[in-house]
């Protein structure tokens, strides 16, 4: 099975500035692929080359097994695109706008009506029969998702779709992308790392134009397993008793009023020792777990 998108040794320079530097990654079909990195890392430039809107300096891009060529964007029949700030005709209503988009790409009237109703329902705008000019930023972004999915694309490219939204708007967009997972492959470009952690199965981290980390998110976390144990107690007194008994157990100990993080050498041995201390002192913690590395911690280690 071909990946939905395949990028091989892709580079892009503007004058003497190399913005994208020999990057390679595959986007598996049916996945939500997080393309992450700080602002200016090369994310949008890469997205434009995948869309055939910008010529590559070197390297190749394939979408659904077909090569992408600048100016000859035949592969875009497979692609839906949601920019960070989608633009609309404000005097139109959502259904009118989707009907216009469907007519432009040659869809039949019956299919336009069916898909438009289906998609407006999906994005929570089924009852929003008012002019787009009156829409909030979040509503516009949701309409942008509906427009991008109108032609039933195999690949949906979202370039920073949640960057300017409030927490409620961000959650709405992430929930929609989660709903289409498995039906449409999604490339989700963002610098908001917590969004990636919530919905993505795979990630590629770009920094300074280079891929510095790539793979399945769960495997990346497992390969960089934490050496830290975290405990939360019901009272400061419980925490104090535990810390006193655990003296010497950790290489480094961090604590707040009711929480303790132990950085240890042998994780398994430390877990057994902690359980013995809790049992001996008859202390029942609210939480006791191994700290899992976050996407933020992986990112910070990768870009150091």
C-alpha atoms as a PDB file:
ATOM      1  CA  UNK A   1       0.000   0.000   0.000  1.00  0.00           C
ATOM      2  CA  UNK A   2       1.391   3.395  -0.994  1.00  0.00           C
ATOM      3  CA  UNK A   3       1.584   6.046   1.719  1.00  0.00           C
ATOM      4  CA  UNK A   4      -0.839   8.950   1.314  1.00  0.00           C
ATOM      5  CA  UNK A   5       2.184  11.235   0.938  1.00  0.00           C
ATOM      6  CA  UNK A   6       5.872  10.504   0.545  1.00  0.00           C
ATOM      7  CA  UNK A   7       8.563  13.168   0.851  1.00  0.00           C
ATOM      8  CA  UNK A   8      12.135  12.234  -0.131  1.00  0.00           C
ATOM      9  CA  UNK A   9      15.248  14.414   0.261  1.00  0.00           C
ATOM     10  CA  UNK A  10      13.173  17.566  -0.163  1.00  0.00           C
ATOM     11  CA  UNK A  11      14.938  20.937  -0.010  1.00  0.00           C
ATOM     12  CA  UNK A  12      13.942  24.516  -0.695  1.00  0.00           C
ATOM     13  CA  UNK A  13      16.133  27.605  -0.820  1.00  0.00           C
ATOM     14  CA  UNK A  14      15.242  31.246  -1.220  1.00  0.00           C
ATOM     15  CA  UNK A  15      18.400  32.892  -2.461  1.00  0.00           C
ATOM     16  CA  UNK A  16      21.164  31.847  -0.089  1.00  0.00           C
ATOM     17  CA  UNK A  17      18.716  30.868   2.667  1.00  0.00           C
ATOM     18  CA  UNK A  18      17.893  27.129   2.839  1.00  0.00           C
ATOM     19  CA  UNK A  19      14.458  26.985   4.466  1.00  0.00           C
ATOM     20  CA  UNK A  20      13.901  23.223   4.035  1.00  0.00           C
ATOM     21  CA  UNK A  21      17.011  21.059   4.146  1.00  0.00           C
ATOM     22  CA  UNK A  22      16.922  17.474   2.799  1.00  0.00           C
ATOM     23  CA  UNK A  23      13.840  16.215   4.661  1.00  0.00           C
ATOM     24  CA  UNK A  24      12.248  12.792   4.182  1.00  0.00           C
ATOM     25  CA  UNK A  25       9.153  11.184   5.723  1.00  0.00           C
ATOM     26  CA  UNK A  26       6.089   9.118   4.767  1.00  0.00           C
ATOM     27  CA  UNK A  27       2.501   9.777   5.812  1.00  0.00           C
ATOM     28  CA  UNK A  28       0.704   6.407   6.225  1.00  0.00           C
ATOM     29  CA  UNK A  29      -2.777   6.111   4.781  1.00  0.00           C
ATOM     30  CA  UNK A  30      -5.521   6.655   7.354  1.00  0.00           C
ATOM     31  CA  UNK A  31      -3.282   8.335   9.917  1.00  0.00           C
ATOM     32  CA  UNK A  32      -3.313  11.763  11.530  1.00  0.00           C
ATOM     33  CA  UNK A  33       0.254  12.896  10.985  1.00  0.00           C
ATOM     34  CA  UNK A  34       1.565  15.731  13.119  1.00  0.00           C
ATOM     35  CA  UNK A  35       4.057  17.960  11.323  1.00  0.00           C
ATOM     36  CA  UNK A  36       5.396  20.030  14.166  1.00  0.00           C
ATOM     37  CA  UNK A  37       7.997  22.667  14.825  1.00  0.00           C
ATOM     38  CA  UNK A  38       8.449  26.274  15.920  1.00  0.00           C
ATOM     39  CA  UNK A  39       7.341  29.193  13.774  1.00  0.00           C
ATOM     40  CA  UNK A  40       9.768  29.636  10.879  1.00  0.00           C
ATOM     41  CA  UNK A  41      10.941  26.004  10.977  1.00  0.00           C
ATOM     42  CA  UNK A  42       9.831  25.278   7.378  1.00  0.00           C
ATOM     43  CA  UNK A  43       6.368  23.765   7.916  1.00  0.00           C
ATOM     44  CA  UNK A  44       4.354  26.030   5.607  1.00  0.00           C
ATOM     45  CA  UNK A  45       7.034  25.922   2.891  1.00  0.00           C
ATOM     46  CA  UNK A  46       6.855  22.107   2.974  1.00  0.00           C
ATOM     47  CA  UNK A  47       3.041  22.176   2.807  1.00  0.00           C
ATOM     48  CA  UNK A  48       3.184  24.413  -0.274  1.00  0.00           C
ATOM     49  CA  UNK A  49       5.570  22.004  -2.011  1.00  0.00           C
ATOM     50  CA  UNK A  50       3.251  19.076  -1.228  1.00  0.00           C
ATOM     51  CA  UNK A  51       0.434  21.093  -2.812  1.00  0.00           C
ATOM     52  CA  UNK A  52       2.561  21.905  -5.879  1.00  0.00           C
ATOM     53  CA  UNK A  53       2.275  25.626  -5.165  1.00  0.00           C
ATOM     54  CA  UNK A  54       6.012  26.070  -4.703  1.00  0.00           C
ATOM     55  CA  UNK A  55       8.826  24.450  -6.698  1.00  0.00           C
ATOM     56  CA  UNK A  56      11.303  22.317  -4.758  1.00  0.00           C
ATOM     57  CA  UNK A  57      14.991  23.106  -5.080  1.00  0.00           C
ATOM     58  CA  UNK A  58      15.655  19.363  -4.941  1.00  0.00           C
ATOM     59  CA  UNK A  59      13.969  16.142  -3.866  1.00  0.00           C
ATOM     60  CA  UNK A  60      10.577  14.618  -4.629  1.00  0.00           C
ATOM     61  CA  UNK A  61       7.020  14.608  -3.315  1.00  0.00           C
ATOM     62  CA  UNK A  62       4.458  11.901  -4.106  1.00  0.00           C
ATOM     63  CA  UNK A  63       0.768  12.039  -3.192  1.00  0.00           C
ATOM     64  CA  UNK A  64      -1.217   8.797  -3.424  1.00  0.00           C
ATOM     65  CA  UNK A  65       1.646   7.289  -5.442  1.00  0.00           C
ATOM     66  CA  UNK A  66       1.776  10.070  -8.055  1.00  0.00           C
ATOM     67  CA  UNK A  67       4.578  12.666  -8.349  1.00  0.00           C
ATOM     68  CA  UNK A  68       3.786  16.271  -7.450  1.00  0.00           C
ATOM     69  CA  UNK A  69       4.946  18.776 -10.067  1.00  0.00           C
ATOM     70  CA  UNK A  70       4.960  22.517  -9.575  1.00  0.00           C
ATOM     71  CA  UNK A  71       2.334  24.216 -11.719  1.00  0.00           C
ATOM     72  CA  UNK A  72       0.866  20.878 -12.851  1.00  0.00           C
ATOM     73  CA  UNK A  73      -1.136  20.048  -9.769  1.00  0.00           C
ATOM     74  CA  UNK A  74      -2.951  16.917 -10.973  1.00  0.00           C
ATOM     75  CA  UNK A  75      -2.323  15.308  -7.567  1.00  0.00           C
ATOM     76  CA  UNK A  76      -4.468  17.969  -5.915  1.00  0.00           C
ATOM     77  CA  UNK A  77      -7.535  16.004  -7.000  1.00  0.00           C
ATOM     78  CA  UNK A  78      -6.624  13.787  -4.031  1.00  0.00           C
ATOM     79  CA  UNK A  79      -6.104  16.697  -1.629  1.00  0.00           C
ATOM     80  CA  UNK A  80      -8.184  18.976   0.575  1.00  0.00           C
ATOM     81  CA  UNK A  81      -6.483  22.023   2.077  1.00  0.00           C
ATOM     82  CA  UNK A  82      -7.265  24.078   5.164  1.00  0.00           C
ATOM     83  CA  UNK A  83      -5.022  27.155   5.591  1.00  0.00           C
ATOM     84  CA  UNK A  84      -4.529  28.829   8.953  1.00  0.00           C
ATOM     85  CA  UNK A  85      -6.842  31.701   7.925  1.00  0.00           C
ATOM     86  CA  UNK A  86      -9.415  30.483   5.357  1.00  0.00           C
ATOM     87  CA  UNK A  87     -11.078  33.191   3.277  1.00  0.00           C
ATOM     88  CA  UNK A  88     -14.749  33.291   2.248  1.00  0.00           C
ATOM     89  CA  UNK A  89     -17.297  35.465   0.488  1.00  0.00           C
ATOM     90  CA  UNK A  90     -18.862  37.064   3.544  1.00  0.00           C
ATOM     91  CA  UNK A  91     -22.204  37.804   1.875  1.00  0.00           C
ATOM     92  CA  UNK A  92     -22.836  34.085   1.297  1.00  0.00           C
ATOM     93  CA  UNK A  93     -24.384  31.564   3.644  1.00  0.00           C
ATOM     94  CA  UNK A  94     -22.568  28.242   4.369  1.00  0.00           C
ATOM     95  CA  UNK A  95     -24.678  26.121   2.011  1.00  0.00           C
ATOM     96  CA  UNK A  96     -24.353  28.706  -0.786  1.00  0.00           C
ATOM     97  CA  UNK A  97     -20.593  28.797  -0.370  1.00  0.00           C
ATOM     98  CA  UNK A  98     -20.207  25.004  -0.487  1.00  0.00           C
ATOM     99  CA  UNK A  99     -22.483  24.853  -3.540  1.00  0.00           C
ATOM    100  CA  UNK A 100     -20.227  27.350  -5.320  1.00  0.00           C
ATOM    101  CA  UNK A 101     -17.110  25.337  -4.405  1.00  0.00           C
ATOM    102  CA  UNK A 102     -18.724  22.136  -5.671  1.00  0.00           C
ATOM    103  CA  UNK A 103     -19.715  23.750  -8.968  1.00  0.00           C
ATOM    104  CA  UNK A 104     -16.194  25.075  -9.508  1.00  0.00           C
ATOM    105  CA  UNK A 105     -14.713  21.556  -9.302  1.00  0.00           C
ATOM    106  CA  UNK A 106     -17.461  20.023 -11.452  1.00  0.00           C
ATOM    107  CA  UNK A 107     -19.445  18.066  -8.871  1.00  0.00           C
ATOM    108  CA  UNK A 108     -23.042  17.151  -9.717  1.00  0.00           C
ATOM    109  CA  UNK A 109     -25.824  19.163  -8.079  1.00  0.00           C
ATOM    110  CA  UNK A 110     -27.122  16.111  -6.232  1.00  0.00           C
ATOM    111  CA  UNK A 111     -23.688  15.264  -4.829  1.00  0.00           C
ATOM    112  CA  UNK A 112     -23.054  18.875  -3.829  1.00  0.00           C
ATOM    113  CA  UNK A 113     -26.299  19.006  -1.853  1.00  0.00           C
ATOM    114  CA  UNK A 114     -25.693  15.631  -0.205  1.00  0.00           C
ATOM    115  CA  UNK A 115     -22.067  16.324   0.741  1.00  0.00           C
ATOM    116  CA  UNK A 116     -22.809  19.872   1.893  1.00  0.00           C
ATOM    117  CA  UNK A 117     -25.567  18.788   4.271  1.00  0.00           C
ATOM    118  CA  UNK A 118     -23.429  15.918   5.549  1.00  0.00           C
ATOM    119  CA  UNK A 119     -20.366  18.102   6.135  1.00  0.00           C
ATOM    120  CA  UNK A 120     -22.186  21.060   7.684  1.00  0.00           C
ATOM    121  CA  UNK A 121     -23.664  18.564  10.138  1.00  0.00           C
ATOM    122  CA  UNK A 122     -20.204  17.112  10.818  1.00  0.00           C
ATOM    123  CA  UNK A 123     -18.708  20.515  11.651  1.00  0.00           C
ATOM    124  CA  UNK A 124     -21.690  21.689  13.699  1.00  0.00           C
ATOM    125  CA  UNK A 125     -22.999  24.252  11.214  1.00  0.00           C
ATOM    126  CA  UNK A 126     -26.097  22.426  10.022  1.00  0.00           C
ATOM    127  CA  UNK A 127     -28.396  25.074  11.491  1.00  0.00           C
ATOM    128  CA  UNK A 128     -26.126  28.077  10.826  1.00  0.00           C
ATOM    129  CA  UNK A 129     -28.164  29.671   8.039  1.00  0.00           C
ATOM    130  CA  UNK A 130     -26.670  33.159   8.306  1.00  0.00           C
ATOM    131  CA  UNK A 131     -24.103  35.152   6.366  1.00  0.00           C
ATOM    132  CA  UNK A 132     -20.494  34.022   6.790  1.00  0.00           C
ATOM    133  CA  UNK A 133     -19.494  37.618   7.588  1.00  0.00           C
ATOM    134  CA  UNK A 134     -21.241  37.196  10.970  1.00  0.00           C
ATOM    135  CA  UNK A 135     -19.330  33.998  11.829  1.00  0.00           C
ATOM    136  CA  UNK A 136     -16.853  33.793  14.697  1.00  0.00           C
ATOM    137  CA  UNK A 137     -13.264  32.734  13.977  1.00  0.00           C
ATOM    138  CA  UNK A 138     -14.030  29.213  15.173  1.00  0.00           C
ATOM    139  CA  UNK A 139     -17.108  28.923  12.950  1.00  0.00           C
ATOM    140  CA  UNK A 140     -15.087  30.082   9.932  1.00  0.00           C
ATOM    141  CA  UNK A 141     -12.450  27.468  10.663  1.00  0.00           C
ATOM    142  CA  UNK A 142     -15.089  24.746  10.896  1.00  0.00           C
ATOM    143  CA  UNK A 143     -16.589  25.893   7.594  1.00  0.00           C
ATOM    144  CA  UNK A 144     -13.057  25.703   6.178  1.00  0.00           C
ATOM    145  CA  UNK A 145     -12.861  22.051   7.220  1.00  0.00           C
ATOM    146  CA  UNK A 146     -16.199  21.357   5.488  1.00  0.00           C
ATOM    147  CA  UNK A 147     -14.987  23.063   2.296  1.00  0.00           C
ATOM    148  CA  UNK A 148     -11.684  21.134   2.361  1.00  0.00           C
ATOM    149  CA  UNK A 149     -13.562  17.811   2.709  1.00  0.00           C
ATOM    150  CA  UNK A 150     -16.213  18.561   0.073  1.00  0.00           C
ATOM    151  CA  UNK A 151     -14.533  16.627  -2.733  1.00  0.00           C
ATOM    152  CA  UNK A 152     -13.911  13.559  -0.517  1.00  0.00           C
ATOM    153  CA  UNK A 153     -10.127  13.972  -0.545  1.00  0.00           C
ATOM    154  CA  UNK A 154      -7.808  11.102   0.319  1.00  0.00           C
ATOM    155  CA  UNK A 155      -5.438  13.561   2.002  1.00  0.00           C
ATOM    156  CA  UNK A 156      -6.401  16.600   4.096  1.00  0.00           C
ATOM    157  CA  UNK A 157      -3.638  19.145   4.738  1.00  0.00           C
ATOM    158  CA  UNK A 158      -4.242  21.450   7.704  1.00  0.00           C
ATOM    159  CA  UNK A 159      -1.699  24.250   8.052  1.00  0.00           C
ATOM    160  CA  UNK A 160      -1.801  25.641  11.615  1.00  0.00           C
ATOM    161  CA  UNK A 161      -5.614  25.247  11.823  1.00  0.00           C
ATOM    162  CA  UNK A 162      -5.853  25.932  15.565  1.00  0.00           C
ATOM    163  CA  UNK A 163      -3.162  28.594  15.974  1.00  0.00           C
ATOM    164  CA  UNK A 164      -5.491  31.587  16.437  1.00  0.00           C
ATOM    165  CA  UNK A 165      -8.413  29.857  18.140  1.00  0.00           C
ATOM    166  CA  UNK A 166      -9.454  29.956  21.783  1.00  0.00           C
ATOM    167  CA  UNK A 167      -9.519  26.650  23.758  1.00  0.00           C
ATOM    168  CA  UNK A 168     -13.138  25.924  22.805  1.00  0.00           C
ATOM    169  CA  UNK A 169     -12.462  26.550  19.098  1.00  0.00           C
ATOM    170  CA  UNK A 170      -9.326  24.412  19.198  1.00  0.00           C
ATOM    171  CA  UNK A 171     -11.214  21.526  20.784  1.00  0.00           C
ATOM    172  CA  UNK A 172     -13.935  21.750  18.127  1.00  0.00           C
ATOM    173  CA  UNK A 173     -11.413  21.476  15.273  1.00  0.00           C
ATOM    174  CA  UNK A 174      -9.511  18.622  16.954  1.00  0.00           C
ATOM    175  CA  UNK A 175     -12.766  16.730  17.573  1.00  0.00           C
ATOM    176  CA  UNK A 176     -13.692  17.056  13.882  1.00  0.00           C
ATOM    177  CA  UNK A 177     -10.289  15.775  12.760  1.00  0.00           C
ATOM    178  CA  UNK A 178     -10.596  12.862  15.172  1.00  0.00           C
ATOM    179  CA  UNK A 179     -13.993  11.986  13.671  1.00  0.00           C
ATOM    180  CA  UNK A 180     -12.626  11.727  10.114  1.00  0.00           C
ATOM    181  CA  UNK A 181      -9.622   9.632  11.145  1.00  0.00           C
ATOM    182  CA  UNK A 182      -9.453   6.434   9.112  1.00  0.00           C
ATOM    183  CA  UNK A 183     -11.604   7.872   6.334  1.00  0.00           C
ATOM    184  CA  UNK A 184      -9.212  10.644   5.299  1.00  0.00           C
ATOM    185  CA  UNK A 185      -5.478  10.877   5.943  1.00  0.00           C
ATOM    186  CA  UNK A 186      -4.598  14.127   7.718  1.00  0.00           C
ATOM    187  CA  UNK A 187      -1.349  16.103   7.782  1.00  0.00           C
ATOM    188  CA  UNK A 188      -1.720  18.389  10.766  1.00  0.00           C
ATOM    189  CA  UNK A 189       0.902  21.146  10.781  1.00  0.00           C
ATOM    190  CA  UNK A 190       1.204  23.059  14.049  1.00  0.00           C
ATOM    191  CA  UNK A 191       3.476  24.533  16.696  1.00  0.00           C
ATOM    192  CA  UNK A 192       0.933  23.769  19.455  1.00  0.00           C
ATOM    193  CA  UNK A 193       2.410  20.562  20.855  1.00  0.00           C
ATOM    194  CA  UNK A 194      -0.506  19.642  23.132  1.00  0.00           C
ATOM    195  CA  UNK A 195      -2.830  19.486  20.096  1.00  0.00           C
ATOM    196  CA  UNK A 196      -0.540  16.918  18.466  1.00  0.00           C
ATOM    197  CA  UNK A 197      -0.503  14.785  21.593  1.00  0.00           C
ATOM    198  CA  UNK A 198      -4.306  14.697  21.619  1.00  0.00           C
ATOM    199  CA  UNK A 199      -4.982  13.439  18.081  1.00  0.00           C
ATOM    200  CA  UNK A 200      -1.857  12.339  16.164  1.00  0.00           C
ATOM    201  CA  UNK A 201      -0.513   8.800  15.734  1.00  0.00           C
ATOM    202  CA  UNK A 202       2.717   9.786  13.996  1.00  0.00           C
ATOM    203  CA  UNK A 203       4.844  12.920  14.045  1.00  0.00           C
ATOM    204  CA  UNK A 204       7.715  14.533  12.204  1.00  0.00           C
ATOM    205  CA  UNK A 205       9.464  17.320  14.067  1.00  0.00           C
ATOM    206  CA  UNK A 206      11.149  19.962  11.910  1.00  0.00           C
ATOM    207  CA  UNK A 207      13.568  22.516  13.293  1.00  0.00           C
ATOM    208  CA  UNK A 208      15.763  24.838  11.293  1.00  0.00           C
ATOM    209  CA  UNK A 209      14.591  23.185   8.077  1.00  0.00           C
ATOM    210  CA  UNK A 210      15.654  19.663   9.151  1.00  0.00           C
ATOM    211  CA  UNK A 211      13.688  16.688  10.476  1.00  0.00           C
ATOM    212  CA  UNK A 212      15.053  16.035  13.957  1.00  0.00           C
ATOM    213  CA  UNK A 213      12.524  13.422  15.129  1.00  0.00           C
ATOM    214  CA  UNK A 214      10.086  11.185  13.240  1.00  0.00           C
ATOM    215  CA  UNK A 215       7.966   8.114  13.953  1.00  0.00           C
ATOM    216  CA  UNK A 216       4.937   6.769  15.807  1.00  0.00           C
ATOM    217  CA  UNK A 217       4.228   8.962  18.804  1.00  0.00           C
ATOM    218  CA  UNK A 218       3.751   6.023  21.172  1.00  0.00           C
ATOM    219  CA  UNK A 219       7.022   4.418  20.047  1.00  0.00           C
ATOM    220  CA  UNK A 220       8.939   7.685  20.356  1.00  0.00           C
ATOM    221  CA  UNK A 221       7.701   8.045  23.914  1.00  0.00           C
ATOM    222  CA  UNK A 222       8.495   4.418  24.762  1.00  0.00           C
ATOM    223  CA  UNK A 223      12.024   4.702  23.349  1.00  0.00           C
ATOM    224  CA  UNK A 224      12.651   7.674  25.602  1.00  0.00           C
ATOM    225  CA  UNK A 225      11.093   6.220  28.708  1.00  0.00           C
ATOM    226  CA  UNK A 226      11.314   8.478  31.706  1.00  0.00           C
ATOM    227  CA  UNK A 227      13.475   7.681  34.736  1.00  0.00           C
ATOM    228  CA  UNK A 228      11.061   9.525  37.007  1.00  0.00           C
ATOM    229  CA  UNK A 229       8.329   8.473  39.412  1.00  0.00           C
ATOM    230  CA  UNK A 230       5.587  10.881  40.402  1.00  0.00           C
ATOM    231  CA  UNK A 231       3.497  10.714  43.558  1.00  0.00           C
ATOM    232  CA  UNK A 232       0.678  12.950  44.753  1.00  0.00           C
ATOM    233  CA  UNK A 233      -0.520  12.837  48.351  1.00  0.00           C
ATOM    234  CA  UNK A 234      -3.742  13.892  50.065  1.00  0.00           C
ATOM    235  CA  UNK A 235      -1.976  16.103  52.599  1.00  0.00           C
ATOM    236  CA  UNK A 236       1.370  17.874  53.017  1.00  0.00           C
ATOM    237  CA  UNK A 237       1.959  15.724  56.115  1.00  0.00           C
ATOM    238  CA  UNK A 238       1.688  12.493  54.099  1.00  0.00           C
ATOM    239  CA  UNK A 239       4.150  13.901  51.572  1.00  0.00           C
ATOM    240  CA  UNK A 240       6.569  14.909  54.325  1.00  0.00           C
ATOM    241  CA  UNK A 241       6.493  11.451  55.918  1.00  0.00           C
ATOM    242  CA  UNK A 242       7.137   9.801  52.563  1.00  0.00           C
ATOM    243  CA  UNK A 243      10.026  12.106  51.643  1.00  0.00           C
ATOM    244  CA  UNK A 244      11.647  11.490  55.011  1.00  0.00           C
ATOM    245  CA  UNK A 245      11.477   7.725  54.534  1.00  0.00           C
ATOM    246  CA  UNK A 246      12.588   7.887  50.881  1.00  0.00           C
ATOM    247  CA  UNK A 247      15.810   9.747  51.664  1.00  0.00           C
ATOM    248  CA  UNK A 248      18.596   8.453  49.412  1.00  0.00           C
ATOM    249  CA  UNK A 249      16.251   6.602  47.045  1.00  0.00           C
ATOM    250  CA  UNK A 250      16.434   9.199  44.246  1.00  0.00           C
ATOM    251  CA  UNK A 251      19.278  10.819  42.329  1.00  0.00           C
ATOM    252  CA  UNK A 252      17.173  13.967  42.260  1.00  0.00           C
ATOM    253  CA  UNK A 253      13.985  14.827  44.109  1.00  0.00           C
ATOM    254  CA  UNK A 254      11.534  17.584  43.231  1.00  0.00           C
ATOM    255  CA  UNK A 255       8.576  18.436  45.418  1.00  0.00           C
ATOM    256  CA  UNK A 256       5.666  20.804  45.861  1.00  0.00           C
ATOM    257  CA  UNK A 257       3.195  21.068  48.710  1.00  0.00           C
ATOM    258  CA  UNK A 258       1.646  17.631  48.100  1.00  0.00           C
ATOM    259  CA  UNK A 259       3.576  16.164  45.137  1.00  0.00           C
ATOM    260  CA  UNK A 260       6.961  14.469  44.722  1.00  0.00           C
ATOM    261  CA  UNK A 261       8.931  13.554  41.612  1.00  0.00           C
ATOM    262  CA  UNK A 262      11.787  11.075  42.077  1.00  0.00           C
ATOM    263  CA  UNK A 263      14.479  10.785  39.396  1.00  0.00           C
ATOM    264  CA  UNK A 264      16.003   7.332  39.872  1.00  0.00           C
ATOM    265  CA  UNK A 265      18.645   5.069  38.366  1.00  0.00           C
ATOM    266  CA  UNK A 266      16.817   1.707  38.366  1.00  0.00           C
ATOM    267  CA  UNK A 267      13.149   2.353  37.644  1.00  0.00           C
ATOM    268  CA  UNK A 268      11.843  -1.128  38.540  1.00  0.00           C
ATOM    269  CA  UNK A 269      13.786  -1.324  41.815  1.00  0.00           C
ATOM    270  CA  UNK A 270      12.683   2.188  42.762  1.00  0.00           C
ATOM    271  CA  UNK A 271       9.014   1.341  42.185  1.00  0.00           C
ATOM    272  CA  UNK A 272       9.291  -1.662  44.538  1.00  0.00           C
ATOM    273  CA  UNK A 273      11.075   0.457  47.144  1.00  0.00           C
ATOM    274  CA  UNK A 274       8.384   3.147  46.954  1.00  0.00           C
ATOM    275  CA  UNK A 275       5.635   0.549  47.420  1.00  0.00           C
ATOM    276  CA  UNK A 276       7.432  -0.845  50.476  1.00  0.00           C
ATOM    277  CA  UNK A 277       7.727   2.634  52.005  1.00  0.00           C
ATOM    278  CA  UNK A 278       4.058   3.411  51.372  1.00  0.00           C
ATOM    279  CA  UNK A 279       3.034   0.097  52.960  1.00  0.00           C
ATOM    280  CA  UNK A 280       5.322   0.454  55.984  1.00  0.00           C
ATOM    281  CA  UNK A 281       4.234   4.032  56.669  1.00  0.00           C
ATOM    282  CA  UNK A 282       0.584   3.247  55.843  1.00  0.00           C
ATOM    283  CA  UNK A 283       0.409   6.134  53.409  1.00  0.00           C
ATOM    284  CA  UNK A 284      -2.111   5.983  50.582  1.00  0.00           C
ATOM    285  CA  UNK A 285      -1.133   8.312  47.702  1.00  0.00           C
ATOM    286  CA  UNK A 286      -3.694   9.872  45.396  1.00  0.00           C
ATOM    287  CA  UNK A 287      -1.409   9.107  42.436  1.00  0.00           C
ATOM    288  CA  UNK A 288       1.657   6.968  41.837  1.00  0.00           C
ATOM    289  CA  UNK A 289       2.927   6.580  38.288  1.00  0.00           C
ATOM    290  CA  UNK A 290       5.928   6.577  36.003  1.00  0.00           C
ATOM    291  CA  UNK A 291       6.231   9.955  34.315  1.00  0.00           C
ATOM    292  CA  UNK A 292       5.632   9.448  30.612  1.00  0.00           C
ATOM    293  CA  UNK A 293       7.631  11.783  28.374  1.00  0.00           C
ATOM    294  CA  UNK A 294       5.405  14.430  26.818  1.00  0.00           C
ATOM    295  CA  UNK A 295       5.651  15.634  23.236  1.00  0.00           C
ATOM    296  CA  UNK A 296       6.993  18.869  24.713  1.00  0.00           C
ATOM    297  CA  UNK A 297       9.855  17.081  26.485  1.00  0.00           C
ATOM    298  CA  UNK A 298      10.664  15.101  23.317  1.00  0.00           C
ATOM    299  CA  UNK A 299      10.673  18.333  21.336  1.00  0.00           C
ATOM    300  CA  UNK A 300      12.936  20.161  23.768  1.00  0.00           C
ATOM    301  CA  UNK A 301      15.458  17.290  23.824  1.00  0.00           C
ATOM    302  CA  UNK A 302      15.450  17.020  20.034  1.00  0.00           C
ATOM    303  CA  UNK A 303      16.146  20.701  19.392  1.00  0.00           C
ATOM    304  CA  UNK A 304      18.913  21.127  21.984  1.00  0.00           C
END
